[in-house]
Protein backbone atom coordinates (compact mmCIF):
# COMPACT_ATOMS: atom_id res chain seq x y z
CA MET A 1 85.78 -74.40 -57.41
CA ASP A 2 83.81 -75.08 -54.18
CA LEU A 3 84.31 -77.89 -51.60
CA VAL A 4 81.29 -79.29 -49.98
CA PHE A 5 80.87 -81.70 -47.10
CA VAL A 6 77.29 -83.03 -46.83
CA HIS A 7 76.24 -84.04 -43.35
CA PRO A 8 79.90 -84.59 -41.95
CA GLU A 9 80.10 -86.48 -38.67
CA ILE A 10 83.74 -86.32 -37.60
CA PRO A 11 85.15 -82.96 -36.57
CA HIS A 12 88.70 -83.86 -37.50
CA ASN A 13 87.77 -84.41 -41.21
CA SER A 14 85.98 -81.14 -41.46
CA GLY A 15 88.93 -79.40 -39.75
CA CYS A 16 91.25 -80.92 -42.30
CA ALA A 17 88.92 -79.70 -45.09
CA ALA A 18 89.04 -76.26 -43.60
CA ARG A 19 92.86 -76.34 -43.62
CA LEU A 20 92.67 -77.47 -47.30
CA SER A 21 90.34 -74.62 -48.03
CA ALA A 22 92.68 -72.16 -46.43
CA ALA A 23 95.70 -73.60 -48.38
CA LEU A 24 94.00 -73.40 -51.76
CA GLY A 25 91.78 -70.24 -51.19
CA ILE A 26 88.58 -72.10 -51.97
CA ARG A 27 85.25 -71.86 -50.14
CA LEU A 28 84.30 -74.69 -47.75
CA HIS A 29 80.52 -75.51 -47.47
CA LEU A 30 79.13 -77.65 -44.72
CA VAL A 31 75.59 -79.03 -45.05
CA GLU A 32 73.62 -79.67 -41.87
CA PRO A 33 72.95 -81.64 -39.89
CA LEU A 34 76.49 -81.83 -38.70
CA GLY A 35 77.81 -84.45 -36.34
CA PHE A 36 79.55 -81.87 -34.18
CA SER A 37 79.36 -78.29 -33.11
CA LEU A 38 81.18 -75.45 -34.86
CA GLU A 39 82.45 -74.81 -31.35
CA ASP A 40 84.06 -78.22 -31.09
CA ARG A 41 87.67 -78.15 -29.88
CA PHE A 42 88.63 -81.11 -32.13
CA LEU A 43 87.35 -79.08 -35.21
CA LYS A 44 89.31 -76.00 -34.20
CA ARG A 45 92.45 -78.07 -33.46
CA ALA A 46 92.30 -79.96 -36.80
CA GLY A 47 92.04 -76.50 -38.66
CA LEU A 48 95.02 -75.35 -36.53
CA ASP A 49 95.61 -71.57 -36.75
CA TYR A 50 94.25 -71.33 -40.31
CA TRP A 51 90.61 -70.49 -39.37
CA PRO A 52 91.21 -66.76 -40.20
CA MET A 53 91.84 -67.83 -43.79
CA VAL A 54 88.79 -70.07 -44.13
CA ASP A 55 85.81 -68.94 -46.14
CA LEU A 56 83.15 -71.14 -44.43
CA VAL A 57 79.47 -71.29 -45.44
CA VAL A 58 77.08 -73.48 -43.38
CA HIS A 59 73.84 -74.56 -45.21
CA ALA A 60 70.76 -75.67 -43.29
CA SER A 61 69.95 -78.26 -45.91
CA LEU A 62 70.92 -79.77 -49.20
CA GLU A 63 68.16 -77.79 -50.79
CA SER A 64 69.62 -74.59 -49.37
CA LEU A 65 72.98 -75.51 -50.79
CA ARG A 66 71.34 -76.19 -54.25
CA LEU A 67 69.48 -72.79 -54.14
CA HIS A 68 72.63 -71.02 -53.22
CA PHE A 69 74.44 -72.30 -56.20
CA GLU A 70 71.51 -71.88 -58.60
CA ARG A 71 71.93 -68.12 -58.15
CA ASP A 72 75.38 -68.28 -59.66
CA GLY A 73 74.41 -69.05 -63.21
CA ARG A 74 75.40 -72.54 -64.39
CA PRO A 75 72.86 -75.01 -63.09
CA PHE A 76 73.72 -76.96 -60.00
CA ALA A 77 73.24 -80.26 -61.87
CA GLU A 78 75.98 -79.20 -64.43
CA ARG A 79 78.39 -78.12 -61.69
CA ALA A 80 77.97 -80.89 -59.14
CA ARG A 81 80.57 -83.61 -58.84
CA LEU A 82 79.46 -86.28 -56.51
CA PHE A 83 82.34 -88.12 -54.86
CA THR A 84 81.26 -91.72 -53.95
CA ALA A 85 82.85 -95.08 -53.37
CA ARG A 86 80.10 -96.60 -55.48
CA GLY A 87 80.14 -96.10 -59.24
CA GLY A 88 80.65 -93.24 -61.66
CA SER A 89 83.90 -92.34 -63.46
CA SER A 90 87.40 -92.50 -62.05
CA LEU A 91 88.73 -89.22 -60.57
CA PHE A 92 91.59 -89.57 -62.94
CA SER A 93 89.55 -89.73 -66.13
CA THR A 94 86.91 -87.06 -65.11
CA PRO A 95 87.02 -83.77 -66.87
CA PHE A 96 86.44 -80.91 -64.40
CA ALA A 97 85.63 -77.17 -64.85
CA ALA A 98 86.88 -74.34 -62.74
CA ASP A 99 83.49 -73.63 -61.33
CA ASP A 100 82.55 -77.25 -60.34
CA ILE A 101 81.18 -77.98 -56.87
CA LEU A 102 82.84 -81.06 -55.33
CA LEU A 103 80.51 -82.80 -53.01
CA PHE A 104 81.56 -85.35 -50.46
CA GLY A 105 79.17 -87.24 -48.09
CA SER A 106 79.34 -88.23 -44.49
CA GLU A 107 81.78 -90.63 -43.17
CA SER A 108 79.32 -93.45 -42.38
CA LYS A 109 76.66 -93.04 -45.19
CA GLY A 110 78.22 -91.08 -48.04
CA LEU A 111 76.12 -88.77 -50.12
CA PRO A 112 72.26 -89.09 -49.90
CA PRO A 113 71.03 -91.85 -52.20
CA ALA A 114 68.38 -89.47 -53.65
CA LEU A 115 71.14 -87.04 -54.87
CA LEU A 116 73.31 -89.93 -56.30
CA GLY A 117 70.18 -91.20 -58.12
CA GLU A 118 69.25 -87.80 -59.40
CA LEU A 119 72.70 -87.11 -60.95
CA PRO A 120 74.32 -90.49 -61.72
CA SER A 121 76.51 -89.14 -64.57
CA ARG A 122 78.07 -86.70 -62.04
CA ARG A 123 79.43 -89.54 -59.83
CA VAL A 124 83.23 -89.60 -59.25
CA TYR A 125 85.19 -92.31 -57.45
CA VAL A 126 88.76 -92.86 -56.37
CA PRO A 127 90.10 -96.26 -57.49
CA ILE A 128 90.78 -98.63 -54.53
CA ARG A 129 91.46 -102.30 -54.28
CA ASP A 130 88.71 -104.96 -53.79
CA GLY A 131 87.97 -105.64 -50.18
CA VAL A 132 88.52 -102.03 -49.09
CA ARG A 133 85.19 -100.24 -48.39
CA SER A 134 86.37 -96.67 -48.67
CA LEU A 135 89.11 -94.11 -48.05
CA ASN A 136 89.17 -91.50 -45.25
CA LEU A 137 86.98 -88.39 -46.15
CA ALA A 138 89.64 -85.78 -45.59
CA ASN A 139 92.12 -87.72 -47.79
CA VAL A 140 89.71 -88.15 -50.61
CA ALA A 141 88.76 -84.43 -50.42
CA CYS A 142 92.38 -83.43 -50.65
CA LEU A 143 93.18 -85.77 -53.46
CA GLY A 144 89.86 -84.83 -55.35
CA VAL A 145 90.28 -81.00 -55.02
CA TYR A 146 93.92 -80.95 -56.19
CA THR A 147 93.18 -83.31 -59.06
CA ALA A 148 90.05 -81.36 -60.09
CA MET A 149 91.91 -78.04 -59.99
CA VAL A 150 94.79 -79.37 -62.16
CA SER A 151 92.22 -81.01 -64.60
CA ALA A 152 90.35 -77.74 -64.80
CA GLY A 153 93.46 -75.60 -65.30
CA VAL A 154 93.04 -73.74 -62.16
CA PRO A 155 96.29 -72.30 -61.03
CA LEU A 156 97.60 -73.73 -57.92
CA PRO A 157 99.08 -71.49 -55.26
CA ARG A 158 102.76 -70.72 -55.59
CA ASN A 159 104.74 -72.10 -52.76
CA GLU A 160 108.56 -71.73 -53.03
CA GLY A 161 109.01 -73.39 -49.59
CA ALA A 162 108.73 -70.27 -47.49
CA TYR A 163 106.26 -69.79 -44.70
CA GLU A 164 104.85 -66.37 -43.76
CA PRO A 165 102.30 -66.65 -40.90
CA HIS A 166 98.95 -65.13 -41.52
CA GLU A 167 98.54 -61.81 -39.68
CA LEU A 168 95.62 -63.10 -37.64
CA ARG A 169 97.00 -66.56 -36.78
CA ALA A 170 97.76 -65.58 -33.13
CA LEU A 171 94.21 -64.79 -32.51
CA ASP A 172 91.91 -67.37 -30.99
CA ILE A 173 89.51 -67.57 -33.88
CA LYS A 174 86.85 -70.28 -33.54
CA PRO A 175 85.27 -71.99 -36.62
CA ALA A 176 81.79 -70.68 -35.66
CA SER A 177 83.07 -67.16 -35.98
CA ARG A 178 84.11 -67.79 -39.60
CA ALA A 179 80.77 -69.29 -40.68
CA THR A 180 78.23 -67.57 -42.85
CA ARG A 181 74.84 -69.22 -42.40
CA VAL A 182 72.53 -69.92 -45.35
CA ASP A 183 69.12 -71.20 -44.43
CA SER A 184 67.34 -71.03 -47.80
């Protein structure tokens, strides 16, 4: 399972996604343009000392992301799950597969309308009350990833309440140093 933020604007939300990525051992993809630098101190701070455990891929465009996943076998259109506040099927009634790609849009605009229009049957929403526009991106990503993993039968990490620090946590590792760039 892969976690994708398309055009994220707020470093804190992407930092939280990085921490989620580290906690679950899943890859985090960011699609440019980003509303912040990978050198941003708020991004680093939100990810705490977990950056050594983050598998981060930065894509130059949505098309670059699509081509990246098309190389993996199952077509992008069959793997994509488009999280949106507008339409689709409820997160809690959506069947997920272990190799799904969970896409989340920017904080102010959501996913690009062209992508939502291209794959309307792949839309997923989190139920919220009338009068509430949307939930926080980092919160929806956390809820969505855990729910999708359980639905797909992907084993969750075992945690018996103990904490063993990562061997590299004391190093001053910046998010930019963890990123693999994909431009096409």
